[in-house]
C-alpha cells in the first residue's frame, strides 16, 4: 500500500542535476526527460513510494496529459498551467491522506507547498537520496547476484547441470 508520494518538478530537476543538464544541452530535452524518468522509476521501485513527475507545458497549446512510464506517472501540464501550480493542487488534495514530498529547488514553490501540508526536498537532496538508493541496490542485490553466479553452475544450462548431477551420483 502506498503511503508516500513524491511529486517531482521535472524541468527544475533536469536543470539542477549536472548529468541531466548535460544530456539536455548535448543531446536533447527528450533524452534528458527519459533519463530522469528512468532514474525516478528505479527510485520508486526501491523506496516503494509513488512518484509523479510533472513537466511544464503551459506554453504549449492543449490539455493536460498524464502518462504512465515504468509505473511512474508523468504529467504534462495543460496550456497556461505551470508545473508548480499542478504540484500545489495535487499536494493539497492528497496531503490529508498521504505523506507528500515535493522535489524542487524553487524557493517560492518550497514555501507554498509547506503551506499545503507537504514537505520539500531540494534537487540536491533528491540526488543524494537517488545515489544512496543506487548504491544500496548495487551492494545488496547486484553484487550478491554476481557472487552467486560466479560459480560454474551459475553459467550452465539447466539440462547440462541435470546431466552432470546424474553423472556425479553414479
N, C-alpha and C. Protein backbone atom coordinates (compact mmCIF):
# COMPACT_ATOMS: atom_id res chain seq x y z
N UNK A 1 0.84 -1.19 0.00
CA UNK A 1 0.00 0.00 0.00
C UNK A 1 0.88 1.25 0.00
N UNK A 2 0.53 2.19 -0.84
CA UNK A 2 1.29 3.43 -0.95
C UNK A 2 1.00 4.31 0.26
N UNK A 3 2.06 4.77 0.87
CA UNK A 3 1.91 5.69 2.00
C UNK A 3 2.56 7.04 1.73
N UNK A 4 3.39 7.08 0.70
CA UNK A 4 4.10 8.31 0.42
C UNK A 4 4.10 8.60 -1.08
N UNK A 5 3.91 9.86 -1.39
CA UNK A 5 4.01 10.35 -2.77
C UNK A 5 5.20 11.29 -2.86
N UNK A 6 5.89 11.21 -3.98
CA UNK A 6 6.94 12.16 -4.30
C UNK A 6 6.54 12.85 -5.59
N UNK A 7 6.29 14.15 -5.51
CA UNK A 7 5.98 14.96 -6.69
C UNK A 7 7.27 15.64 -7.13
N UNK A 8 7.65 15.43 -8.38
CA UNK A 8 8.93 15.91 -8.88
C UNK A 8 8.69 16.98 -9.94
N UNK A 9 9.25 18.16 -9.74
CA UNK A 9 9.21 19.22 -10.75
C UNK A 9 10.29 18.87 -11.78
N UNK A 10 9.86 18.22 -12.85
CA UNK A 10 10.78 17.62 -13.82
C UNK A 10 11.84 18.55 -14.38
N UNK A 11 11.42 19.68 -14.93
CA UNK A 11 12.41 20.58 -15.54
C UNK A 11 13.32 21.21 -14.51
N UNK A 12 12.81 21.45 -13.31
CA UNK A 12 13.64 22.00 -12.24
C UNK A 12 14.77 21.02 -11.92
N UNK A 13 14.45 19.75 -11.85
CA UNK A 13 15.46 18.73 -11.54
C UNK A 13 16.44 18.58 -12.71
N UNK A 14 15.93 18.57 -13.93
CA UNK A 14 16.82 18.47 -15.10
C UNK A 14 17.85 19.59 -15.11
N UNK A 15 17.41 20.80 -14.81
CA UNK A 15 18.33 21.95 -14.81
C UNK A 15 19.26 21.95 -13.60
N UNK A 16 18.91 21.21 -12.55
CA UNK A 16 19.72 21.21 -11.32
C UNK A 16 20.76 20.10 -11.28
N UNK A 17 20.50 18.98 -11.96
CA UNK A 17 21.43 17.86 -11.94
C UNK A 17 22.37 17.95 -13.14
N UNK A 18 23.65 17.95 -12.88
CA UNK A 18 24.64 18.15 -13.94
C UNK A 18 24.52 17.14 -15.07
N UNK A 19 24.31 15.86 -14.73
CA UNK A 19 24.26 14.84 -15.80
C UNK A 19 23.04 15.04 -16.69
N UNK A 20 21.92 15.46 -16.12
CA UNK A 20 20.71 15.68 -16.93
C UNK A 20 20.81 16.98 -17.72
N UNK A 21 21.39 17.99 -17.11
CA UNK A 21 21.58 19.28 -17.80
C UNK A 21 22.51 19.09 -19.01
N UNK A 22 23.54 18.28 -18.81
CA UNK A 22 24.48 18.00 -19.90
C UNK A 22 23.78 17.22 -21.02
N UNK A 23 22.95 16.24 -20.64
CA UNK A 23 22.21 15.47 -21.64
C UNK A 23 21.28 16.38 -22.44
N UNK A 24 20.65 17.33 -21.75
CA UNK A 24 19.75 18.25 -22.43
C UNK A 24 20.52 19.14 -23.41
N UNK A 25 21.67 19.64 -22.98
CA UNK A 25 22.44 20.56 -23.81
C UNK A 25 23.15 19.85 -24.97
N UNK A 26 23.66 18.65 -24.72
CA UNK A 26 24.45 17.97 -25.74
C UNK A 26 23.63 17.02 -26.61
N UNK A 27 22.51 16.54 -26.09
CA UNK A 27 21.69 15.59 -26.87
C UNK A 27 20.34 16.24 -27.17
N UNK A 28 19.40 16.11 -26.25
CA UNK A 28 18.10 16.74 -26.44
C UNK A 28 17.34 16.76 -25.11
N UNK A 29 16.35 17.61 -25.08
CA UNK A 29 15.49 17.68 -23.90
C UNK A 29 14.77 16.35 -23.70
N UNK A 30 14.36 15.73 -24.77
CA UNK A 30 13.66 14.44 -24.69
C UNK A 30 14.53 13.37 -24.03
N UNK A 31 15.80 13.33 -24.37
CA UNK A 31 16.71 12.35 -23.77
C UNK A 31 16.90 12.65 -22.29
N UNK A 32 17.03 13.92 -21.93
CA UNK A 32 17.17 14.29 -20.52
C UNK A 32 15.92 13.89 -19.73
N UNK A 33 14.74 14.11 -20.33
CA UNK A 33 13.49 13.70 -19.66
C UNK A 33 13.47 12.19 -19.45
N UNK A 34 13.83 11.44 -20.48
CA UNK A 34 13.82 9.97 -20.38
C UNK A 34 14.79 9.50 -19.31
N UNK A 35 15.96 10.09 -19.24
CA UNK A 35 16.93 9.71 -18.21
C UNK A 35 16.37 9.99 -16.81
N UNK A 36 15.74 11.14 -16.64
CA UNK A 36 15.12 11.46 -15.35
C UNK A 36 14.04 10.43 -15.01
N UNK A 37 13.21 10.10 -15.98
CA UNK A 37 12.13 9.14 -15.74
C UNK A 37 12.68 7.76 -15.40
N UNK A 38 13.75 7.34 -16.05
CA UNK A 38 14.37 6.05 -15.73
C UNK A 38 14.91 6.05 -14.29
N UNK A 39 15.55 7.13 -13.92
CA UNK A 39 16.10 7.26 -12.56
C UNK A 39 14.97 7.22 -11.54
N UNK A 40 13.91 7.98 -11.80
CA UNK A 40 12.79 8.04 -10.85
C UNK A 40 12.04 6.71 -10.78
N UNK A 41 12.00 5.98 -11.88
CA UNK A 41 11.36 4.67 -11.89
C UNK A 41 12.11 3.70 -10.98
N UNK A 42 13.42 3.68 -11.09
CA UNK A 42 14.23 2.83 -10.22
C UNK A 42 14.09 3.25 -8.76
N UNK A 43 14.10 4.55 -8.53
CA UNK A 43 13.98 5.09 -7.17
C UNK A 43 12.64 4.69 -6.57
N UNK A 44 11.57 4.82 -7.35
CA UNK A 44 10.24 4.46 -6.87
C UNK A 44 10.18 2.98 -6.48
N UNK A 45 10.73 2.14 -7.33
CA UNK A 45 10.72 0.71 -7.05
C UNK A 45 11.48 0.35 -5.79
N UNK A 46 12.60 1.00 -5.58
CA UNK A 46 13.42 0.71 -4.41
C UNK A 46 12.77 1.25 -3.14
N UNK A 47 12.25 2.47 -3.19
CA UNK A 47 11.70 3.12 -2.00
C UNK A 47 10.26 2.70 -1.70
N UNK A 48 9.61 2.07 -2.68
CA UNK A 48 8.21 1.64 -2.52
C UNK A 48 7.28 2.82 -2.23
N UNK A 49 7.44 3.86 -3.02
CA UNK A 49 6.61 5.05 -2.94
C UNK A 49 5.99 5.29 -4.31
N UNK A 50 5.11 6.26 -4.40
CA UNK A 50 4.51 6.64 -5.69
C UNK A 50 5.18 7.93 -6.15
N UNK A 51 5.76 7.89 -7.34
CA UNK A 51 6.43 9.07 -7.91
C UNK A 51 5.58 9.62 -9.03
N UNK A 52 5.40 10.93 -9.00
CA UNK A 52 4.71 11.65 -10.08
C UNK A 52 5.67 12.74 -10.55
N UNK A 53 6.07 12.66 -11.81
CA UNK A 53 6.97 13.66 -12.39
C UNK A 53 6.12 14.60 -13.23
N UNK A 54 6.28 15.90 -12.96
CA UNK A 54 5.46 16.91 -13.63
C UNK A 54 6.35 17.81 -14.49
N UNK A 55 5.94 17.95 -15.76
CA UNK A 55 6.66 18.83 -16.69
C UNK A 55 5.74 19.97 -17.11
N UNK A 56 6.31 21.16 -17.17
CA UNK A 56 5.57 22.33 -17.67
C UNK A 56 5.23 22.15 -19.13
N UNK A 57 4.01 22.45 -19.46
CA UNK A 57 3.62 22.54 -20.87
C UNK A 57 2.76 23.78 -21.03
N UNK A 58 2.89 24.72 -20.07
CA UNK A 58 2.00 25.88 -20.05
C UNK A 58 2.14 26.79 -21.26
N UNK A 59 3.22 26.67 -22.00
CA UNK A 59 3.38 27.48 -23.21
C UNK A 59 3.00 26.71 -24.46
N UNK A 60 2.50 25.50 -24.27
CA UNK A 60 2.11 24.64 -25.38
C UNK A 60 0.59 24.52 -25.38
N UNK A 61 -0.01 24.67 -26.54
CA UNK A 61 -1.46 24.56 -26.61
C UNK A 61 -1.89 23.11 -26.36
N UNK A 62 -2.98 22.98 -25.65
CA UNK A 62 -3.52 21.64 -25.43
C UNK A 62 -3.90 21.39 -23.99
N UNK A 63 -4.44 20.20 -23.78
CA UNK A 63 -4.90 19.79 -22.46
C UNK A 63 -3.79 19.07 -21.71
N UNK A 64 -3.98 18.93 -20.43
CA UNK A 64 -3.05 18.19 -19.60
C UNK A 64 -3.05 16.73 -20.03
N UNK A 65 -1.87 16.13 -20.05
CA UNK A 65 -1.79 14.70 -20.34
C UNK A 65 -1.10 14.01 -19.17
N UNK A 66 -1.59 12.84 -18.85
CA UNK A 66 -0.99 12.02 -17.81
C UNK A 66 -0.69 10.67 -18.44
N UNK A 67 0.58 10.29 -18.38
CA UNK A 67 1.03 9.05 -18.98
C UNK A 67 1.68 8.19 -17.90
N UNK A 68 1.76 6.91 -18.18
CA UNK A 68 2.48 6.01 -17.29
C UNK A 68 3.79 5.64 -17.97
N UNK A 69 4.87 5.70 -17.22
CA UNK A 69 6.18 5.32 -17.74
C UNK A 69 6.85 4.45 -16.67
N UNK A 70 7.00 3.17 -16.96
CA UNK A 70 7.61 2.24 -16.00
C UNK A 70 7.02 2.39 -14.59
N UNK A 71 5.71 2.46 -14.53
CA UNK A 71 4.96 2.53 -13.28
C UNK A 71 5.04 3.87 -12.55
N UNK A 72 5.61 4.88 -13.15
CA UNK A 72 5.51 6.22 -12.56
C UNK A 72 4.55 7.03 -13.41
N UNK A 73 3.90 8.00 -12.79
CA UNK A 73 3.00 8.88 -13.53
C UNK A 73 3.78 10.08 -14.03
N UNK A 74 3.57 10.42 -15.30
CA UNK A 74 4.23 11.56 -15.92
C UNK A 74 3.14 12.51 -16.38
N UNK A 75 3.21 13.74 -15.88
CA UNK A 75 2.19 14.73 -16.18
C UNK A 75 2.81 15.85 -17.01
N UNK A 76 2.17 16.18 -18.11
CA UNK A 76 2.49 17.38 -18.88
C UNK A 76 1.32 18.32 -18.65
N UNK A 77 1.59 19.46 -18.02
CA UNK A 77 0.50 20.35 -17.64
C UNK A 77 -0.21 20.89 -18.87
N UNK A 78 -1.39 21.42 -18.63
CA UNK A 78 -2.17 21.98 -19.74
C UNK A 78 -1.71 23.41 -20.02
N UNK A 79 -2.22 23.93 -21.10
CA UNK A 79 -1.92 25.31 -21.50
C UNK A 79 -2.24 26.25 -20.34
N UNK A 80 -1.39 27.20 -20.08
CA UNK A 80 -1.46 28.21 -19.02
C UNK A 80 -1.41 27.61 -17.59
N UNK A 81 -0.98 26.38 -17.47
CA UNK A 81 -0.81 25.77 -16.14
C UNK A 81 0.66 25.44 -15.97
N UNK A 82 1.26 25.88 -14.88
CA UNK A 82 2.66 25.57 -14.62
C UNK A 82 2.76 24.28 -13.82
N UNK A 83 3.93 23.69 -13.83
CA UNK A 83 4.18 22.50 -13.01
C UNK A 83 3.98 22.85 -11.54
N UNK A 84 4.44 24.03 -11.15
CA UNK A 84 4.27 24.47 -9.75
C UNK A 84 2.81 24.48 -9.34
N UNK A 85 1.96 25.04 -10.19
CA UNK A 85 0.53 25.12 -9.88
C UNK A 85 -0.08 23.72 -9.75
N UNK A 86 0.24 22.84 -10.67
CA UNK A 86 -0.27 21.48 -10.63
C UNK A 86 0.20 20.77 -9.36
N UNK A 87 1.47 20.90 -9.04
CA UNK A 87 2.04 20.26 -7.85
C UNK A 87 1.36 20.78 -6.58
N UNK A 88 1.15 22.08 -6.51
CA UNK A 88 0.47 22.67 -5.34
C UNK A 88 -0.92 22.07 -5.18
N UNK A 89 -1.64 21.96 -6.28
CA UNK A 89 -3.01 21.45 -6.24
C UNK A 89 -3.04 19.99 -5.79
N UNK A 90 -2.17 19.18 -6.36
CA UNK A 90 -2.13 17.76 -6.00
C UNK A 90 -1.66 17.58 -4.55
N UNK A 91 -0.66 18.34 -4.14
CA UNK A 91 -0.17 18.24 -2.76
C UNK A 91 -1.29 18.56 -1.78
N UNK A 92 -2.08 19.55 -2.10
CA UNK A 92 -3.21 19.92 -1.24
C UNK A 92 -4.27 18.81 -1.21
N UNK A 93 -4.56 18.22 -2.37
CA UNK A 93 -5.60 17.19 -2.46
C UNK A 93 -5.23 15.90 -1.74
N UNK A 94 -4.01 15.45 -1.89
CA UNK A 94 -3.64 14.15 -1.30
C UNK A 94 -2.89 14.28 0.02
N UNK A 95 -2.53 15.51 0.37
CA UNK A 95 -1.75 15.73 1.59
C UNK A 95 -2.46 15.36 2.88
N UNK A 96 -3.77 15.31 2.86
CA UNK A 96 -4.51 14.94 4.07
C UNK A 96 -4.43 13.45 4.35
N UNK A 97 -4.28 12.65 3.30
CA UNK A 97 -4.34 11.20 3.44
C UNK A 97 -2.98 10.50 3.32
N UNK A 98 -2.01 11.18 2.75
CA UNK A 98 -0.71 10.56 2.48
C UNK A 98 0.41 11.52 2.86
N UNK A 99 1.58 10.94 3.07
CA UNK A 99 2.78 11.76 3.22
C UNK A 99 3.17 12.22 1.81
N UNK A 100 3.37 13.50 1.64
CA UNK A 100 3.69 14.06 0.33
C UNK A 100 4.99 14.85 0.44
N UNK A 101 5.92 14.53 -0.45
CA UNK A 101 7.15 15.32 -0.56
C UNK A 101 7.20 15.89 -1.96
N UNK A 102 7.75 17.07 -2.07
CA UNK A 102 7.88 17.73 -3.36
C UNK A 102 9.36 18.00 -3.61
N UNK A 103 9.85 17.52 -4.75
CA UNK A 103 11.25 17.70 -5.12
C UNK A 103 11.35 18.89 -6.08
N UNK A 104 11.91 19.97 -5.57
CA UNK A 104 12.15 21.18 -6.37
C UNK A 104 13.17 22.03 -5.64
N UNK A 105 13.91 22.81 -6.38
CA UNK A 105 14.82 23.78 -5.76
C UNK A 105 14.29 25.19 -5.90
N UNK A 106 13.06 25.32 -6.36
CA UNK A 106 12.39 26.61 -6.48
C UNK A 106 12.00 27.07 -5.08
N UNK A 107 12.66 28.11 -4.57
CA UNK A 107 12.45 28.58 -3.20
C UNK A 107 11.01 28.97 -2.91
N UNK A 108 10.37 29.71 -3.81
CA UNK A 108 8.99 30.12 -3.60
C UNK A 108 8.07 28.91 -3.57
N UNK A 109 8.29 27.98 -4.47
CA UNK A 109 7.48 26.76 -4.51
C UNK A 109 7.61 25.97 -3.21
N UNK A 110 8.83 25.92 -2.68
CA UNK A 110 9.05 25.20 -1.42
C UNK A 110 8.21 25.80 -0.29
N UNK A 111 8.15 27.11 -0.23
CA UNK A 111 7.37 27.79 0.81
C UNK A 111 5.88 27.50 0.63
N UNK A 112 5.41 27.56 -0.60
CA UNK A 112 3.99 27.33 -0.87
C UNK A 112 3.58 25.90 -0.52
N UNK A 113 4.38 24.93 -0.92
CA UNK A 113 3.97 23.54 -0.67
C UNK A 113 4.04 23.21 0.82
N UNK A 114 4.91 23.86 1.55
CA UNK A 114 4.93 23.66 3.00
C UNK A 114 3.61 24.09 3.61
N UNK A 115 3.03 25.17 3.06
CA UNK A 115 1.72 25.64 3.50
C UNK A 115 0.59 24.70 3.11
N UNK A 116 0.82 23.83 2.14
CA UNK A 116 -0.19 22.86 1.70
C UNK A 116 -0.08 21.55 2.47
N UNK A 117 0.85 21.47 3.41
CA UNK A 117 0.99 20.26 4.22
C UNK A 117 2.00 19.27 3.70
N UNK A 118 2.67 19.60 2.64
CA UNK A 118 3.69 18.70 2.08
C UNK A 118 5.06 19.10 2.63
N UNK A 119 6.01 18.20 2.49
CA UNK A 119 7.38 18.55 2.85
C UNK A 119 8.16 18.73 1.56
N UNK A 120 9.27 19.38 1.67
CA UNK A 120 10.04 19.66 0.47
C UNK A 120 11.37 18.94 0.53
N UNK A 121 11.88 18.67 -0.65
CA UNK A 121 13.22 18.10 -0.79
C UNK A 121 13.86 18.83 -1.96
N UNK A 122 15.05 19.32 -1.76
CA UNK A 122 15.72 20.06 -2.83
C UNK A 122 16.24 19.08 -3.88
N UNK A 123 16.60 19.63 -5.02
CA UNK A 123 17.15 18.81 -6.10
C UNK A 123 18.42 18.10 -5.64
N UNK A 124 19.22 18.80 -4.90
CA UNK A 124 20.47 18.21 -4.40
C UNK A 124 20.19 17.08 -3.41
N UNK A 125 19.24 17.29 -2.52
CA UNK A 125 18.88 16.25 -1.55
C UNK A 125 18.32 15.01 -2.26
N UNK A 126 17.49 15.25 -3.27
CA UNK A 126 16.94 14.13 -4.03
C UNK A 126 18.06 13.38 -4.74
N UNK A 127 19.00 14.10 -5.32
CA UNK A 127 20.13 13.45 -5.98
C UNK A 127 20.90 12.59 -4.99
N UNK A 128 21.12 13.09 -3.79
CA UNK A 128 21.82 12.30 -2.77
C UNK A 128 21.03 11.04 -2.41
N UNK A 129 19.71 11.17 -2.28
CA UNK A 129 18.87 10.01 -1.98
C UNK A 129 18.91 8.99 -3.12
N UNK A 130 18.86 9.48 -4.35
CA UNK A 130 18.91 8.59 -5.52
C UNK A 130 20.25 7.85 -5.55
N UNK A 131 21.32 8.57 -5.32
CA UNK A 131 22.65 7.93 -5.32
C UNK A 131 22.76 6.88 -4.22
N UNK A 132 22.21 7.20 -3.04
CA UNK A 132 22.24 6.23 -1.94
C UNK A 132 21.43 4.98 -2.30
N UNK A 133 20.27 5.19 -2.92
CA UNK A 133 19.45 4.05 -3.33
C UNK A 133 20.19 3.21 -4.37
N UNK A 134 20.84 3.86 -5.32
CA UNK A 134 21.61 3.13 -6.34
C UNK A 134 22.75 2.33 -5.70
N UNK A 135 23.42 2.93 -4.72
CA UNK A 135 24.50 2.21 -4.01
C UNK A 135 23.94 1.01 -3.25
N UNK A 136 22.81 1.20 -2.58
CA UNK A 136 22.18 0.10 -1.84
C UNK A 136 21.79 -1.03 -2.79
N UNK A 137 21.21 -0.68 -3.92
CA UNK A 137 20.83 -1.69 -4.91
C UNK A 137 22.06 -2.45 -5.38
N UNK A 138 23.09 -1.71 -5.70
CA UNK A 138 24.33 -2.32 -6.19
C UNK A 138 24.92 -3.24 -5.12
N UNK A 139 25.00 -2.76 -3.89
CA UNK A 139 25.64 -3.54 -2.83
C UNK A 139 24.81 -4.72 -2.36
N UNK A 140 23.51 -4.54 -2.29
CA UNK A 140 22.66 -5.57 -1.70
C UNK A 140 22.13 -6.58 -2.71
N UNK A 141 22.07 -6.21 -3.97
CA UNK A 141 21.44 -7.09 -4.94
C UNK A 141 22.38 -7.49 -6.06
N UNK A 142 22.86 -6.53 -6.79
CA UNK A 142 23.65 -6.83 -7.99
C UNK A 142 24.94 -7.57 -7.64
N UNK A 143 25.70 -7.06 -6.67
CA UNK A 143 26.97 -7.71 -6.33
C UNK A 143 26.72 -9.09 -5.74
N UNK A 144 25.66 -9.25 -4.95
CA UNK A 144 25.32 -10.55 -4.37
C UNK A 144 24.99 -11.55 -5.48
N UNK A 145 24.21 -11.11 -6.46
CA UNK A 145 23.86 -11.98 -7.58
C UNK A 145 25.11 -12.36 -8.37
N UNK A 146 26.01 -11.40 -8.56
CA UNK A 146 27.23 -11.69 -9.31
C UNK A 146 28.10 -12.71 -8.57
N UNK A 147 28.15 -12.62 -7.24
CA UNK A 147 28.92 -13.59 -6.47
C UNK A 147 28.31 -14.98 -6.62
N UNK A 148 26.98 -15.05 -6.50
CA UNK A 148 26.30 -16.33 -6.66
C UNK A 148 26.50 -16.91 -8.05
N UNK A 149 26.54 -16.05 -9.04
CA UNK A 149 26.70 -16.52 -10.42
C UNK A 149 28.16 -16.72 -10.81
N UNK A 150 29.06 -16.51 -9.89
CA UNK A 150 30.47 -16.68 -10.19
C UNK A 150 30.88 -18.15 -10.16
N UNK A 151 30.00 -18.99 -9.64
CA UNK A 151 30.27 -20.42 -9.63
C UNK A 151 29.90 -21.00 -10.99
N UNK A 152 30.47 -22.13 -11.32
CA UNK A 152 30.25 -22.75 -12.62
C UNK A 152 28.77 -23.00 -12.89
N UNK A 153 28.05 -23.53 -11.90
CA UNK A 153 26.65 -23.85 -12.14
C UNK A 153 25.80 -22.61 -12.41
N UNK A 154 26.28 -21.46 -12.05
CA UNK A 154 25.55 -20.23 -12.35
C UNK A 154 25.56 -19.87 -13.82
N UNK A 155 26.42 -20.54 -14.59
CA UNK A 155 26.55 -20.22 -16.02
C UNK A 155 26.14 -21.36 -16.94
N UNK A 156 25.76 -22.48 -16.36
CA UNK A 156 25.44 -23.64 -17.20
C UNK A 156 23.95 -23.73 -17.49
N UNK A 157 23.65 -24.31 -18.62
CA UNK A 157 22.28 -24.60 -18.99
C UNK A 157 21.71 -25.60 -17.97
N UNK A 158 20.46 -25.44 -17.55
CA UNK A 158 19.88 -26.36 -16.56
C UNK A 158 19.94 -27.83 -16.98
N UNK A 159 19.81 -28.13 -18.28
CA UNK A 159 19.87 -29.52 -18.75
C UNK A 159 21.28 -30.08 -18.56
N UNK A 160 22.28 -29.26 -18.80
CA UNK A 160 23.67 -29.69 -18.59
C UNK A 160 23.91 -29.94 -17.11
N UNK A 161 23.39 -29.06 -16.27
CA UNK A 161 23.52 -29.23 -14.82
C UNK A 161 22.88 -30.55 -14.37
N UNK A 162 21.71 -30.83 -14.89
CA UNK A 162 21.00 -32.06 -14.55
C UNK A 162 21.82 -33.28 -14.99
N UNK A 163 22.36 -33.24 -16.18
CA UNK A 163 23.19 -34.32 -16.70
C UNK A 163 24.43 -34.53 -15.82
N UNK A 164 25.07 -33.42 -15.43
CA UNK A 164 26.27 -33.51 -14.57
C UNK A 164 25.91 -34.08 -13.20
N UNK A 165 24.77 -33.71 -12.67
CA UNK A 165 24.32 -34.22 -11.38
C UNK A 165 24.08 -35.73 -11.45
N UNK A 166 23.50 -36.20 -12.55
CA UNK A 166 23.30 -37.65 -12.73
C UNK A 166 24.65 -38.36 -12.78
N UNK A 167 25.64 -37.78 -13.46
CA UNK A 167 26.97 -38.37 -13.51
C UNK A 167 27.61 -38.42 -12.13
N UNK A 168 27.42 -37.38 -11.38
CA UNK A 168 28.00 -37.29 -10.04
C UNK A 168 27.45 -38.38 -9.13
N UNK A 169 26.18 -38.69 -9.26
CA UNK A 169 25.51 -39.66 -8.39
C UNK A 169 25.87 -41.10 -8.74
N UNK A 170 26.38 -41.35 -9.94
CA UNK A 170 26.73 -42.72 -10.36
C UNK A 170 27.92 -43.24 -9.62
